[in-house]
Every structure is written in structure tokens, then in C-alpha cells.
Amino acid sequence: MKRGLRVAGTLVVTGLAIWYLVSKINFHRTGHELANASLGYLVASLGLMVVTVWPMAWRWQRLLRAQGVEDRLSWLVRAYFVSYMVGQVLPTSIGGDASRIYETARRHPGRGGPAAGTVLLERALGGAATLTLAAVGFALAVGRYDVGAYLWIELAFVACTIVAGVVLFSRAARRPLRRFVPLLRAVKLERPVRAVYEAIHGFRSRPSLLTGVSLLTLCVQAVRVLAIWSAGKAVGVDLSPRPYYVMGPLLFLVMLVPFTINGLAVREAFFVSFLGQLHVSSDRAFATGFLFFLVTIALALPGAGILGWEGLRRGTAQGSAVDGTNATRPVRDPSSTL
């Protein structure tokens, strides 16, 4: 029943987003914009997204280490690229996060709680950095850009982030949170939720680590906003990066919510709505969103290649074991060698 309602809701949201796009854009002009897009700006957009993977993996490595889990940077980079691929199939970034938690828990048996805690803390830090940029964008936009209710939505998200930070890290919040224990116990979620909460809450004793990774996250998010700006420049959107620091944080937040698979149509509708208020034509706004979608697809291709290669190696190793040519050697997970 719940699954049926979820599927129905997804179809409704997708249908409404597609209807909005069809009513706004001219497919012939949009096709012309895409056909004449600047390859240089498009490559720059992809490059900006790719180079941020390594600092994010390094950040994750430090958070894992603080929880007593050691792993190589190369494997963590691999896990990020695989998560991007998974995120193209499962709902938005949530699917990618689940992929990283699952793979890390398999790789480090008995450490599922810290694995989930670090991934969720990363997501929380990403949200906080995004909303810090939103606060900066809010200050930049007031009196300069007329983007209507979007500014107040950003302000509301900033306030919610402050509240979430207090809930996660304040010792005083632990007592009122205990009221939810019976409910979590009733739905058999107390143990995993407690493990994740304790893993995140434990970082309050490491303020220097949290400050460092928070600043790194802020820099990464700022670079990724420039990737959106580059996608816009590719189709001739003549705006400075400044309004994108208003738009980017909202886009990242929209993409976190699993409205549709991989944000299909919702992402493009957001581009058309937001950039339209800045006097960008609907066709160029849609083209910007579509090109940024292509950039995210390209970012996922290494993950698809990695899984394909590992599957081929796994199949070859199992075939050799069956033939008796490698009978004395255990079959290893190819991902463990990365």
C-alpha cells in the first residue's frame, strides 16, 4: 500500500513537472541552444565536479579515522564514484549514500554504525555548507535580484539547519530526545538510529576536526556552484556567478529530496522557474539544467566502469576456481584491492 502511494506520488510530481516544462519551453529553440552549446564551458563544468571528489574522499577518510576505521583514499574515491552511479538509478543522493554505507559496512564488518554515522555527518556538513552559501547568497541577493519566495525559502532552511545542529550536538538535547525511544523501539529502529546518533554526537569532542572538514565542505560546495554557472555559460546565459550562489544551494537541497528518480524533470523545472525570474529565457534555462544533468551522468560513468570491471574480474576468478586452476586460492572481492 505504502509502495503504491509512493509510486503514485512520484508519477504525479513527475507529470506536473513535465507539464510545467512543456508549457514553458519551445523544443525547437531548446534543441538549437543545446546543439550550439560551448564544449569548453561544458568540459569545465565536468572538470569542476570531478576534481571535488578527491577532497570529499579525504574528508570522509578523516571522519572514518576518528571513529577507528582506517581505509585507503583510493578505495574511498572509488566508493564515491560508485555512489554517483547508484544515485542515477536509486532516488537522488540518498541512494548514493546508502551505497557508501553498505559497501563500507561490508568492508569493515561490525562497523556499520560508524560507517553510517560518518556518511550522514558528511551529508549534514554538506547541508550546512550549502545553507551557509545560501545565507551568503541571501545577503548578496537582497535588493539586487528579484527571485521572490526563493530567498525566504533559503532563510527557512538556514534556520532549520541551526536547529538540526543543536539537536545533533547539544548534550542538553539528549534528554528530550529520549521521549522518542519507545516509538523507535516499537518500529525496531532504536538500535540503528542510536548507533548513528552516537557516532555523529561523538564528534562534538573533536571541534578542530569538525571545523576543518566544515571549511573544506564549504569550499567544495562553492566550486560545485561554479560548475552550474559553467553549464549556464555553455548555452549563453549571461549571468555572473553571484546569482548562482543563491540558486545553487536550493538546487542541491531539491536534489536531496526523492521527488523523482534522479530528479527527472524536477531539476529542469527548478532551473526554468528560478532563472526565469532573472529574465533568462525558458529555453536557455532548461538547456542549462539539462546540461548540468549530462554532467552528473558523466560523473557517474567511472562508477559504472568500476562495477563492470569488478564484475568481470569476479566472474573470471570464480570461473578459474570452478575449473580447478585456482582451487588453492580464495576468491576475493575485486573492490578490496582498490
Protein backbone atom coordinates (compact mmCIF):
# COMPACT_ATOMS: atom_id res chain seq x y z
CA MET A 1 0.00 0.00 0.00
CA LYS A 2 2.75 2.45 1.01
CA ARG A 3 4.80 1.50 -2.02
CA GLY A 4 1.82 2.12 -4.28
CA LEU A 5 1.28 5.56 -2.76
CA ARG A 6 4.97 6.38 -3.17
CA VAL A 7 4.93 5.32 -6.83
CA ALA A 8 1.72 7.28 -7.41
CA GLY A 9 3.21 10.37 -5.76
CA THR A 10 6.35 10.09 -7.90
CA LEU A 11 4.26 9.83 -11.07
CA VAL A 12 2.15 12.84 -10.07
CA VAL A 13 5.18 15.03 -9.30
CA THR A 14 6.93 13.93 -12.50
CA GLY A 15 3.79 14.59 -14.53
CA LEU A 16 3.32 18.07 -13.07
CA ALA A 17 6.98 18.96 -13.68
CA ILE A 18 6.79 17.73 -17.29
CA TRP A 19 3.54 19.67 -17.84
CA TYR A 20 5.20 22.82 -16.49
CA LEU A 21 8.19 22.36 -18.81
CA VAL A 22 6.04 21.67 -21.88
CA SER A 23 4.06 24.84 -21.18
CA LYS A 24 7.22 26.93 -20.88
CA ILE A 25 9.75 25.80 -23.47
CA ASN A 26 9.95 25.68 -27.26
CA PHE A 27 11.56 22.37 -28.16
CA HIS A 28 12.96 23.63 -31.46
CA ARG A 29 14.72 26.62 -29.82
CA THR A 30 15.86 24.48 -26.92
CA GLY A 31 17.35 21.96 -29.34
CA HIS A 32 19.16 24.82 -31.08
CA GLU A 33 20.61 26.03 -27.77
CA LEU A 34 21.84 22.55 -26.90
CA ALA A 35 23.28 21.92 -30.38
CA ASN A 36 25.28 25.15 -30.17
CA ALA A 37 26.45 24.78 -26.57
CA SER A 38 30.08 25.65 -25.85
CA LEU A 39 32.06 22.44 -25.41
CA GLY A 40 34.75 24.30 -23.46
CA TYR A 41 32.37 25.50 -20.77
CA LEU A 42 30.73 22.06 -20.62
CA VAL A 43 34.10 20.35 -20.10
CA ALA A 44 34.95 22.96 -17.46
CA SER A 45 31.69 22.17 -15.64
CA LEU A 46 32.51 18.45 -15.60
CA GLY A 47 36.09 19.13 -14.53
CA LEU A 48 34.94 21.22 -11.59
CA MET A 49 32.69 18.37 -10.44
CA VAL A 50 35.36 15.69 -10.88
CA VAL A 51 38.16 17.48 -9.00
CA THR A 52 35.97 17.84 -5.92
CA VAL A 53 35.73 14.05 -5.47
CA TRP A 54 39.23 13.72 -4.00
CA PRO A 55 38.85 16.33 -1.24
CA MET A 56 35.47 14.83 -0.33
CA ALA A 57 37.01 11.35 -0.11
CA TRP A 58 39.85 12.76 2.01
CA ARG A 59 37.26 14.37 4.31
CA TRP A 60 35.48 11.04 4.65
CA GLN A 61 38.77 9.31 5.40
CA ARG A 62 39.41 11.68 8.31
CA LEU A 63 35.93 11.18 9.72
CA LEU A 64 36.26 7.40 9.49
CA ARG A 65 39.67 7.53 11.14
CA ALA A 66 38.18 9.47 14.04
CA GLN A 67 35.80 6.53 14.50
CA GLY A 68 38.63 3.98 14.42
CA VAL A 69 38.04 2.88 10.82
CA GLU A 70 41.09 3.02 8.53
CA ASP A 71 40.86 2.84 4.76
CA ARG A 72 42.80 3.93 1.69
CA LEU A 73 41.98 7.15 -0.12
CA SER A 74 41.90 5.27 -3.45
CA TRP A 75 39.11 2.97 -2.23
CA LEU A 76 37.12 5.88 -0.80
CA VAL A 77 37.39 7.73 -4.15
CA ARG A 78 36.17 4.53 -5.81
CA ALA A 79 33.23 4.35 -3.40
CA TYR A 80 32.27 7.94 -4.24
CA PHE A 81 32.26 7.30 -7.99
CA VAL A 82 30.22 4.12 -7.49
CA SER A 83 27.75 6.05 -5.33
CA TYR A 84 27.28 8.59 -8.13
CA MET A 85 26.40 5.74 -10.47
CA VAL A 86 23.96 4.25 -7.95
CA GLY A 87 22.40 7.69 -7.49
CA GLN A 88 21.40 7.70 -11.16
CA VAL A 89 19.19 4.66 -10.52
CA LEU A 90 18.05 4.99 -6.91
CA PRO A 91 16.36 8.17 -5.64
CA THR A 92 18.78 11.15 -5.76
CA SER A 93 21.75 11.42 -3.38
CA ILE A 94 20.06 9.18 -0.82
CA GLY A 95 20.72 6.13 -2.97
CA GLY A 96 24.39 7.07 -3.29
CA ASP A 97 24.72 7.50 0.48
CA ALA A 98 23.13 4.08 1.05
CA SER A 99 25.62 2.58 -1.40
CA ARG A 100 28.61 4.01 0.51
CA ILE A 101 27.23 2.87 3.86
CA TYR A 102 26.56 -0.65 2.55
CA GLU A 103 29.97 -1.06 0.92
CA THR A 104 31.85 0.33 3.92
CA ALA A 105 29.93 -1.90 6.34
CA ARG A 106 30.75 -4.95 4.19
CA ARG A 107 34.39 -3.95 4.03
CA HIS A 108 34.60 -3.36 7.79
CA PRO A 109 32.32 -5.94 9.49
CA GLY A 110 30.83 -4.77 12.77
CA ARG A 111 31.45 -1.12 11.94
CA GLY A 112 28.13 -0.33 10.30
CA GLY A 113 27.19 2.30 12.88
CA PRO A 114 30.34 4.41 12.43
CA ALA A 115 30.11 3.96 8.65
CA ALA A 116 26.54 5.23 8.59
CA GLY A 117 27.34 7.97 11.09
CA THR A 118 30.23 9.37 9.03
CA VAL A 119 28.25 9.30 5.78
CA LEU A 120 25.27 11.01 7.41
CA LEU A 121 27.58 13.51 9.10
CA GLU A 122 29.06 14.25 5.69
CA ARG A 123 25.55 14.83 4.38
CA ALA A 124 24.79 17.09 7.35
CA LEU A 125 28.01 19.03 6.79
CA GLY A 126 27.16 19.30 3.11
CA GLY A 127 23.74 20.65 4.00
CA ALA A 128 25.24 23.12 6.49
CA ALA A 129 27.79 24.30 3.91
CA THR A 130 25.07 24.58 1.31
CA LEU A 131 22.97 26.69 3.63
CA THR A 132 25.97 28.82 4.58
CA LEU A 133 26.28 29.58 0.89
CA ALA A 134 22.53 30.19 0.88
CA ALA A 135 22.96 32.76 3.67
CA VAL A 136 25.71 34.43 1.65
CA GLY A 137 23.50 34.27 -1.44
CA PHE A 138 20.62 35.75 0.55
CA ALA A 139 22.80 38.70 1.59
CA LEU A 140 24.02 39.16 -1.99
CA ALA A 141 20.54 38.96 -3.48
CA VAL A 142 18.57 41.27 -1.21
CA GLY A 143 17.82 44.40 -3.18
CA ARG A 144 19.77 43.15 -6.21
CA TYR A 145 17.97 40.08 -7.59
CA ASP A 146 14.22 39.64 -7.63
CA VAL A 147 13.81 35.90 -7.04
CA GLY A 148 10.68 36.17 -4.94
CA ALA A 149 9.90 33.50 -2.38
CA TYR A 150 13.14 31.60 -3.07
CA LEU A 151 15.03 33.95 -0.74
CA TRP A 152 12.67 33.26 2.15
CA ILE A 153 12.78 29.53 1.50
CA GLU A 154 16.57 29.70 1.83
CA LEU A 155 16.24 31.65 5.07
CA ALA A 156 13.87 28.99 6.44
CA PHE A 157 16.35 26.23 5.54
CA VAL A 158 19.14 28.12 7.30
CA ALA A 159 17.02 28.29 10.46
CA CYS A 160 16.22 24.57 10.24
CA THR A 161 19.91 23.74 9.87
CA ILE A 162 20.72 25.65 13.07
CA VAL A 163 18.03 23.68 14.92
CA ALA A 164 19.33 20.37 13.50
CA GLY A 165 22.86 21.25 14.63
CA VAL A 166 21.63 21.85 18.16
CA VAL A 167 19.73 18.53 18.18
CA LEU A 168 22.74 16.54 16.96
CA PHE A 169 25.48 18.07 19.08
CA SER A 170 23.91 19.57 22.20
CA ARG A 171 24.09 17.48 25.38
CA ALA A 172 21.00 19.28 26.65
CA ALA A 173 19.01 17.87 23.70
CA ARG A 174 19.63 14.27 24.73
CA ARG A 175 17.00 14.31 27.49
CA PRO A 176 14.04 15.42 25.30
CA LEU A 177 15.22 13.05 22.54
CA ARG A 178 14.74 10.11 24.93
CA ARG A 179 10.98 10.58 24.54
CA PHE A 180 11.27 9.12 21.04
CA VAL A 181 12.96 5.91 22.22
CA PRO A 182 9.69 3.95 22.79
CA LEU A 183 8.49 4.90 19.30
CA LEU A 184 11.77 3.85 17.70
CA ARG A 185 11.74 0.64 19.71
CA ALA A 186 8.21 -0.12 18.54
CA VAL A 187 9.24 0.15 14.88
CA LYS A 188 12.53 -1.71 15.55
CA LEU A 189 14.73 1.24 14.67
CA GLU A 190 16.13 2.11 18.08
CA ARG A 191 19.47 0.30 17.69
CA PRO A 192 20.46 1.62 14.23
CA VAL A 193 19.25 5.16 14.99
CA ARG A 194 21.09 5.15 18.33
CA ALA A 195 24.29 3.88 16.69
CA VAL A 196 24.19 6.60 14.06
CA TYR A 197 23.30 9.32 16.57
CA GLU A 198 26.11 8.33 18.94
CA ALA A 199 28.58 8.22 16.04
CA ILE A 200 27.63 11.76 14.98
CA HIS A 201 27.26 13.15 18.51
CA GLY A 202 30.71 11.82 19.41
CA PHE A 203 32.31 14.35 17.07
CA ARG A 204 31.41 17.18 19.44
CA SER A 205 34.60 16.28 21.32
CA ARG A 206 36.62 16.95 18.14
CA PRO A 207 35.88 20.61 17.38
CA SER A 208 39.06 21.15 15.34
CA LEU A 209 38.24 18.20 13.07
CA LEU A 210 34.66 19.38 12.60
CA THR A 211 35.81 22.93 11.86
CA GLY A 212 38.37 21.73 9.32
CA VAL A 213 36.05 19.41 7.41
CA SER A 214 33.28 22.03 7.53
CA LEU A 215 35.53 24.61 5.87
CA LEU A 216 36.62 22.04 3.29
CA THR A 217 32.99 21.20 2.59
CA LEU A 218 32.17 24.88 2.13
CA CYS A 219 34.97 25.20 -0.44
CA VAL A 220 33.77 22.08 -2.29
CA GLN A 221 30.20 23.36 -2.46
CA ALA A 222 31.41 26.75 -3.70
CA VAL A 223 33.33 25.05 -6.53
CA ARG A 224 30.30 22.94 -7.44
CA VAL A 225 28.16 26.07 -7.75
CA LEU A 226 30.68 27.27 -10.34
CA ALA A 227 30.03 24.03 -12.24
CA ILE A 228 26.37 25.08 -12.57
CA TRP A 229 27.46 28.55 -13.70
CA SER A 230 29.70 26.94 -16.36
CA ALA A 231 26.76 24.90 -17.63
CA GLY A 232 24.78 28.13 -17.99
CA LYS A 233 27.63 29.87 -19.80
CA ALA A 234 27.77 26.93 -22.22
CA VAL A 235 24.35 27.94 -23.58
CA GLY A 236 24.89 31.68 -23.38
CA VAL A 237 23.28 32.53 -20.03
CA ASP A 238 24.93 35.89 -19.38
CA LEU A 239 24.89 35.99 -15.59
CA SER A 240 27.74 36.35 -13.14
CA PRO A 241 28.38 33.54 -10.63
CA ARG A 242 26.69 35.64 -7.91
CA PRO A 243 23.03 34.66 -8.58
CA TYR A 244 24.11 31.03 -8.83
CA TYR A 245 25.17 31.23 -5.19
CA VAL A 246 21.52 31.99 -4.48
CA MET A 247 20.29 29.26 -6.82
CA GLY A 248 22.91 26.53 -6.23
CA PRO A 249 22.16 25.82 -2.56
CA LEU A 250 18.45 25.47 -3.33
CA LEU A 251 19.19 23.13 -6.24
CA PHE A 252 21.39 20.93 -4.03
CA LEU A 253 18.59 20.78 -1.45
CA VAL A 254 15.97 19.99 -4.10
CA MET A 255 18.15 17.14 -5.37
CA LEU A 256 18.33 15.63 -1.88
CA VAL A 257 14.58 15.07 -1.79
CA PRO A 258 13.49 11.95 -3.73
CA PHE A 259 10.64 13.59 -5.65
CA THR A 260 11.51 11.58 -8.77
CA ILE A 261 14.20 9.11 -9.87
CA ASN A 262 17.40 11.15 -10.24
CA GLY A 263 15.38 14.37 -10.03
CA LEU A 264 13.92 13.80 -13.51
CA ALA A 265 12.02 16.89 -14.72
CA VAL A 266 12.02 18.47 -11.22
CA ARG A 267 15.60 19.66 -11.68
CA GLU A 268 14.87 21.21 -15.10
CA ALA A 269 11.64 22.78 -13.83
CA PHE A 270 13.60 24.37 -10.99
CA PHE A 271 16.10 25.86 -13.47
CA VAL A 272 13.30 27.25 -15.64
CA SER A 273 11.47 28.73 -12.64
CA PHE A 274 14.49 30.28 -10.91
CA LEU A 275 16.40 31.58 -13.92
CA GLY A 276 13.15 32.79 -15.47
CA GLN A 277 12.82 35.29 -12.63
CA LEU A 278 16.24 36.64 -13.65
CA HIS A 279 14.97 37.23 -17.19
CA VAL A 280 16.66 34.16 -18.69
CA SER A 281 14.58 32.59 -21.46
CA SER A 282 12.89 29.31 -20.59
CA ASP A 283 14.73 27.55 -23.42
CA ARG A 284 18.17 28.58 -22.16
CA ALA A 285 17.19 27.87 -18.56
CA PHE A 286 16.02 24.36 -19.49
CA ALA A 287 19.18 23.82 -21.55
CA THR A 288 21.28 24.82 -18.52
CA GLY A 289 19.51 22.29 -16.32
CA PHE A 290 19.75 19.58 -18.96
CA LEU A 291 23.48 20.16 -19.50
CA PHE A 292 24.08 20.00 -15.74
CA PHE A 293 22.16 16.70 -15.77
CA LEU A 294 24.52 15.44 -18.50
CA VAL A 295 27.46 16.50 -16.33
CA THR A 296 26.12 14.40 -13.42
CA ILE A 297 25.67 11.45 -15.80
CA ALA A 298 29.27 11.82 -16.99
CA LEU A 299 30.39 11.98 -13.35
CA ALA A 300 28.71 8.60 -12.80
CA LEU A 301 30.39 6.86 -15.76
CA PRO A 302 33.62 5.98 -13.88
CA GLY A 303 31.47 4.24 -11.25
CA ALA A 304 29.72 2.19 -13.93
CA GLY A 305 33.11 1.27 -15.39
CA ILE A 306 34.46 0.27 -11.98
CA LEU A 307 31.50 -2.01 -11.24
CA GLY A 308 31.69 -3.54 -14.70
CA TRP A 309 35.42 -4.23 -14.32
CA GLU A 310 34.99 -5.69 -10.84
CA GLY A 311 32.13 -7.88 -12.05
CA LEU A 312 34.28 -9.17 -14.91
CA ARG A 313 37.18 -9.93 -12.59
CA ARG A 314 34.88 -11.61 -10.09
CA GLY A 315 33.37 -13.78 -12.81
CA THR A 316 36.83 -14.71 -14.14
CA ALA A 317 38.08 -15.57 -10.66
CA GLN A 318 35.03 -17.75 -9.93
CA GLY A 319 35.37 -19.45 -13.30
CA SER A 320 39.02 -20.23 -12.59
CA ALA A 321 38.09 -21.67 -9.19
CA VAL A 322 35.44 -23.92 -10.76
CA ASP A 323 37.93 -25.14 -13.38
CA GLY A 324 40.39 -26.01 -10.64
CA THR A 325 43.08 -23.68 -11.94
CA ASN A 326 42.90 -21.52 -8.83
CA ALA A 327 41.48 -24.01 -6.37
CA THR A 328 44.01 -23.27 -3.64
CA ARG A 329 43.33 -19.52 -3.63
CA PRO A 330 40.25 -17.89 -2.11
CA VAL A 331 38.09 -15.77 -4.43
CA ARG A 332 38.49 -12.17 -3.31
CA ASP A 333 36.21 -9.23 -3.81
CA PRO A 334 37.90 -7.14 -6.55
CA SER A 335 36.88 -3.92 -4.80
CA SER A 336 39.06 -4.84 -1.83
CA THR A 337 42.19 -4.42 -3.92
CA LEU A 338 41.45 -0.80 -4.82
